[in-house]
Amino acid sequence: MRTNAARECLNRIGAWLVAGMVLLVTTAQAEVQQKIGTFAGMQVTYRVILPNSYDPGRAYPAILHFAGGGQTLQIVERSTETDWRATAEHRGYIVISPAAPDGRLYFEEGARIFPAFLDQILKSYKVEGGKLHATGHSNGGLSAFHIASLFPQYFVSVTGYPGLLNISPSERLAALQPLCLYMHVGEQDPSWLRSMQGQYALLKQRGANIQFTVEKGQGHRLDVNKDNLLGRLVGGIERARAGCT
């Protein structure tokens, strides 16, 4: 009886040790934060993914990612997990993604939280060069181009997959021209393909540093795991970090 009790005790200790080891492995991975802030009178919940072994005293490249659809917190979580978490963990990026406040999309009324939201990010995290890389898909792509055209001084690059500037006044297009611009659209997404192709041609004619890619066999919601799209999205950002050379 005593032998059995001792063996059971040892088993429990072993289980506790294993649990402790799992906890250590988990905490060594990228930290995910969920934060809430108020900007321009609007309460915003946003998700932050930090790199492995994050050092707050070190500067990191940072991605401001806009989710698609209704830009709800659930969509933000899904989008950052599938599209950008691996980049944060293994390539040493900070990824920030805000949910739309009260359903107000970021290429519409939700844009009111800027630039206060950007200032808070730069205050909270040490960002490489003090500028971010905007990314987004669908409504998020519209948001990325929209916000970057309003506040270009905060950005190095804009990547829409798909995405474009939803309005085309001359001054807003001109604001984008100093940035590194990337457009990706599905071959089977005809309306977005036409619109993005037209805007690409206009920006290219104006001398913008822009790349346009039609993703073969893809529809509207691009799969970043197909044809190494994620690697190419990150490659564009890396190119932007080097000055779009």
Protein backbone atom coordinates (compact mmCIF):
# COMPACT_ATOMS: atom_id res chain seq x y z
CA MET A 1 0.00 0.00 0.00
CA ARG A 2 2.77 2.42 0.97
CA THR A 3 4.66 1.51 -2.21
CA ASN A 4 1.61 2.28 -4.33
CA ALA A 5 1.05 5.57 -2.52
CA ALA A 6 4.68 6.57 -3.04
CA ARG A 7 4.49 5.64 -6.71
CA GLU A 8 1.31 7.71 -7.13
CA CYS A 9 3.00 10.66 -5.42
CA LEU A 10 5.98 10.42 -7.77
CA ASN A 11 3.65 10.24 -10.76
CA ARG A 12 1.91 13.41 -9.63
CA ILE A 13 5.24 15.19 -9.16
CA GLY A 14 6.27 14.08 -12.66
CA ALA A 15 3.03 15.41 -14.10
CA TRP A 16 3.58 18.76 -12.36
CA LEU A 17 7.10 18.94 -13.76
CA VAL A 18 5.87 18.22 -17.28
CA ALA A 19 3.19 20.90 -16.90
CA GLY A 20 5.87 23.32 -15.76
CA MET A 21 8.00 22.49 -18.79
CA VAL A 22 5.04 23.11 -21.12
CA LEU A 23 4.44 26.48 -19.44
CA LEU A 24 8.06 27.45 -19.99
CA VAL A 25 7.85 26.52 -23.68
CA THR A 26 4.63 28.48 -24.07
CA THR A 27 5.97 31.64 -22.45
CA ALA A 28 9.05 31.46 -24.69
CA GLN A 29 6.83 31.92 -27.75
CA ALA A 30 5.42 35.15 -29.08
CA GLU A 31 3.33 37.06 -26.58
CA VAL A 32 -0.19 38.00 -27.68
CA GLN A 33 -1.79 41.01 -26.04
CA GLN A 34 -5.34 42.30 -26.23
CA LYS A 35 -5.67 45.96 -25.36
CA ILE A 36 -8.44 48.52 -25.14
CA GLY A 37 -8.00 52.26 -25.65
CA THR A 38 -10.11 55.31 -26.37
CA PHE A 39 -9.16 57.52 -29.30
CA ALA A 40 -11.19 60.50 -30.54
CA GLY A 41 -13.96 59.38 -28.20
CA MET A 42 -14.12 55.87 -29.71
CA GLN A 43 -13.26 52.76 -27.73
CA VAL A 44 -11.01 50.40 -29.68
CA THR A 45 -9.98 46.82 -28.89
CA TYR A 46 -6.78 45.82 -30.61
CA ARG A 47 -4.55 42.78 -30.78
CA VAL A 48 -0.76 42.90 -30.53
CA ILE A 49 1.56 40.00 -31.36
CA LEU A 50 5.12 40.42 -30.14
CA PRO A 51 8.20 38.55 -31.43
CA ASN A 52 9.81 35.62 -29.67
CA SER A 53 11.97 36.78 -26.77
CA TYR A 54 10.63 40.32 -27.14
CA ASP A 55 12.95 43.01 -25.75
CA PRO A 56 11.15 46.33 -25.11
CA GLY A 57 14.44 48.18 -25.40
CA ARG A 58 15.03 47.01 -28.96
CA ALA A 59 13.47 48.50 -32.12
CA TYR A 60 11.40 46.12 -34.27
CA PRO A 61 9.72 46.46 -37.66
CA ALA A 62 5.98 46.79 -37.07
CA ILE A 63 2.95 45.83 -39.16
CA LEU A 64 -0.38 47.61 -38.74
CA HIS A 65 -2.80 45.03 -40.09
CA PHE A 66 -6.41 45.74 -41.00
CA ALA A 67 -8.72 42.74 -41.11
CA GLY A 68 -11.38 42.34 -43.78
CA GLY A 69 -15.16 41.99 -43.62
CA GLY A 70 -16.73 43.75 -40.66
CA GLN A 71 -13.32 44.10 -38.98
CA THR A 72 -14.70 42.56 -35.79
CA LEU A 73 -12.41 41.29 -33.04
CA GLN A 74 -13.14 37.70 -34.10
CA ILE A 75 -12.06 38.47 -37.67
CA VAL A 76 -8.99 40.31 -36.35
CA GLU A 77 -7.98 37.26 -34.31
CA ARG A 78 -8.48 34.87 -37.21
CA SER A 79 -6.71 37.11 -39.71
CA THR A 80 -3.66 37.76 -37.57
CA GLU A 81 -3.35 34.08 -36.64
CA THR A 82 -3.51 32.76 -40.21
CA ASP A 83 -1.65 35.56 -41.97
CA TRP A 84 0.85 37.24 -39.66
CA ARG A 85 1.56 35.40 -36.40
CA ALA A 86 4.37 33.28 -37.88
CA THR A 87 5.99 36.46 -39.22
CA ALA A 88 5.89 38.03 -35.77
CA GLU A 89 7.24 34.94 -34.06
CA HIS A 90 9.99 33.88 -36.42
CA ARG A 91 10.99 37.04 -38.29
CA GLY A 92 10.95 39.45 -35.38
CA TYR A 93 8.00 41.73 -36.21
CA ILE A 94 5.45 43.45 -34.01
CA VAL A 95 1.94 43.02 -35.45
CA ILE A 96 -0.89 45.34 -34.37
CA SER A 97 -4.46 44.86 -35.56
CA PRO A 98 -7.42 46.97 -34.37
CA ALA A 99 -11.06 45.88 -34.42
CA ALA A 100 -13.52 48.40 -35.84
CA PRO A 101 -15.04 50.51 -33.05
CA ASP A 102 -18.81 49.89 -32.96
CA GLY A 103 -18.60 48.41 -36.44
CA ARG A 104 -17.26 51.61 -37.99
CA LEU A 105 -14.88 50.46 -40.69
CA TYR A 106 -11.46 52.05 -41.02
CA PHE A 107 -11.96 53.41 -44.51
CA GLU A 108 -15.11 55.11 -43.22
CA GLU A 109 -15.93 56.63 -39.81
CA GLY A 110 -13.45 54.42 -37.97
CA ALA A 111 -10.65 56.51 -39.48
CA ARG A 112 -11.36 59.08 -36.75
CA ILE A 113 -9.16 57.17 -34.29
CA PHE A 114 -6.12 58.16 -36.35
CA PRO A 115 -3.53 59.58 -35.87
CA ALA A 116 -4.07 59.26 -32.09
CA PHE A 117 -3.99 55.46 -32.35
CA LEU A 118 -0.72 55.56 -34.28
CA ASP A 119 0.82 57.87 -31.69
CA GLN A 120 -0.17 55.43 -28.94
CA ILE A 121 1.45 52.52 -30.78
CA LEU A 122 4.69 54.45 -31.24
CA LYS A 123 4.60 55.41 -27.57
CA SER A 124 3.99 51.83 -26.39
CA TYR A 125 6.48 50.03 -28.62
CA LYS A 126 9.89 50.85 -30.03
CA VAL A 127 9.22 50.75 -33.77
CA GLU A 128 11.99 50.64 -36.35
CA GLY A 129 12.42 54.10 -37.85
CA GLY A 130 9.28 55.31 -36.06
CA LYS A 131 7.18 54.15 -39.02
CA LEU A 132 4.89 51.19 -39.71
CA HIS A 133 3.98 48.89 -42.58
CA ALA A 134 0.24 48.89 -43.33
CA THR A 135 -1.35 45.68 -44.58
CA GLY A 136 -4.89 44.50 -45.14
CA HIS A 137 -7.19 42.29 -47.18
CA SER A 138 -10.51 43.32 -48.78
CA ASN A 139 -12.06 45.98 -46.49
CA GLY A 140 -8.75 45.85 -44.65
CA GLY A 141 -6.88 46.57 -47.87
CA LEU A 142 -9.14 49.57 -48.48
CA SER A 143 -8.42 50.66 -44.89
CA ALA A 144 -4.64 50.28 -45.24
CA PHE A 145 -4.50 52.48 -48.34
CA HIS A 146 -7.03 54.94 -46.90
CA ILE A 147 -5.21 55.52 -43.61
CA ALA A 148 -1.77 55.63 -45.25
CA SER A 149 -3.01 58.26 -47.72
CA LEU A 150 -4.27 60.40 -44.84
CA PHE A 151 -1.16 60.02 -42.66
CA PRO A 152 1.72 58.96 -44.95
CA GLN A 153 4.32 60.29 -42.51
CA TYR A 154 3.61 57.30 -40.25
CA PHE A 155 4.25 54.62 -42.89
CA VAL A 156 6.97 52.99 -44.95
CA SER A 157 4.82 50.66 -47.05
CA VAL A 158 1.26 49.64 -47.85
CA THR A 159 0.23 46.13 -48.90
CA GLY A 160 -3.29 45.29 -50.07
CA TYR A 161 -4.15 41.66 -50.77
CA PRO A 162 -6.47 42.78 -52.20
CA GLY A 163 -6.63 46.50 -51.57
CA LEU A 164 -6.50 49.95 -53.12
CA LEU A 165 -7.39 53.55 -52.39
CA ASN A 166 -11.18 53.63 -52.57
CA ILE A 167 -11.29 57.27 -53.66
CA SER A 168 -8.98 58.91 -56.16
CA PRO A 169 -8.53 62.65 -55.55
CA SER A 170 -5.16 63.79 -56.84
CA GLU A 171 -3.78 64.83 -53.45
CA ARG A 172 -4.59 61.48 -51.84
CA LEU A 173 -2.87 59.54 -54.59
CA ALA A 174 0.09 61.93 -54.37
CA ALA A 175 0.36 61.22 -50.63
CA LEU A 176 0.92 57.53 -51.38
CA GLN A 177 3.64 58.07 -53.97
CA PRO A 178 6.63 58.27 -51.56
CA LEU A 179 5.68 54.91 -50.00
CA CYS A 180 6.47 51.37 -51.15
CA LEU A 181 3.16 50.04 -52.49
CA TYR A 182 2.12 46.46 -53.13
CA MET A 183 -1.11 45.17 -54.66
CA HIS A 184 -2.08 41.50 -54.83
CA VAL A 185 -5.40 40.36 -56.29
CA GLY A 186 -6.92 37.00 -57.20
CA GLU A 187 -7.18 36.00 -60.83
CA GLN A 188 -10.78 34.94 -60.12
CA ASP A 189 -11.77 38.27 -58.54
CA PRO A 190 -12.73 40.28 -61.66
CA SER A 191 -14.18 43.47 -60.18
CA TRP A 192 -11.28 44.02 -57.77
CA LEU A 193 -8.82 43.02 -60.48
CA ARG A 194 -10.11 45.73 -62.84
CA SER A 195 -10.18 48.43 -60.16
CA MET A 196 -6.73 47.64 -58.81
CA GLN A 197 -5.21 47.30 -62.25
CA GLY A 198 -6.52 50.75 -63.16
CA GLN A 199 -5.18 52.37 -60.01
CA TYR A 200 -1.86 50.60 -60.36
CA ALA A 201 -1.46 52.00 -63.88
CA LEU A 202 -2.28 55.51 -62.65
CA LEU A 203 0.16 55.35 -59.73
CA LYS A 204 2.85 53.81 -61.92
CA GLN A 205 2.41 56.63 -64.43
CA ARG A 206 2.86 59.13 -61.60
CA GLY A 207 6.19 57.53 -60.67
CA ALA A 208 5.10 55.60 -57.58
CA ASN A 209 7.21 52.65 -56.41
CA ILE A 210 4.47 50.07 -56.80
CA GLN A 211 4.19 46.37 -57.62
CA PHE A 212 1.05 44.65 -58.87
CA THR A 213 0.60 40.88 -58.81
CA VAL A 214 -2.28 38.74 -60.05
CA GLU A 215 -2.48 35.58 -57.92
CA LYS A 216 -3.16 32.63 -60.22
CA GLY A 217 -6.13 30.43 -59.36
CA GLN A 218 -7.17 32.55 -56.38
CA GLY A 219 -10.44 34.31 -55.61
CA HIS A 220 -11.20 37.29 -53.41
CA ARG A 221 -9.93 35.98 -50.05
CA LEU A 222 -6.33 35.21 -50.90
CA ASP A 223 -4.78 32.15 -49.27
CA VAL A 224 -1.36 33.25 -48.00
CA ASN A 225 -0.19 29.64 -47.92
CA LYS A 226 -0.64 29.19 -51.67
CA ASP A 227 2.30 29.81 -54.01
CA ASN A 228 4.33 31.21 -51.08
CA LEU A 229 2.16 34.34 -50.99
CA LEU A 230 3.02 35.02 -47.34
CA GLY A 231 6.72 34.83 -48.14
CA ARG A 232 6.21 37.30 -50.97
CA LEU A 233 4.15 39.66 -48.78
CA VAL A 234 6.91 39.66 -46.19
CA GLY A 235 9.49 39.97 -48.95
CA GLY A 236 7.83 43.19 -50.07
CA ILE A 237 7.99 44.59 -46.56
CA GLU A 238 11.64 43.57 -46.29
CA ARG A 239 12.27 45.35 -49.57
CA ALA A 240 10.54 48.43 -48.19
CA ARG A 241 12.76 48.32 -45.11
CA ALA A 242 15.74 48.53 -47.47
CA GLY A 243 14.27 51.56 -49.21
CA CYS A 244 12.32 49.82 -52.00
CA THR A 245 15.57 49.10 -53.81
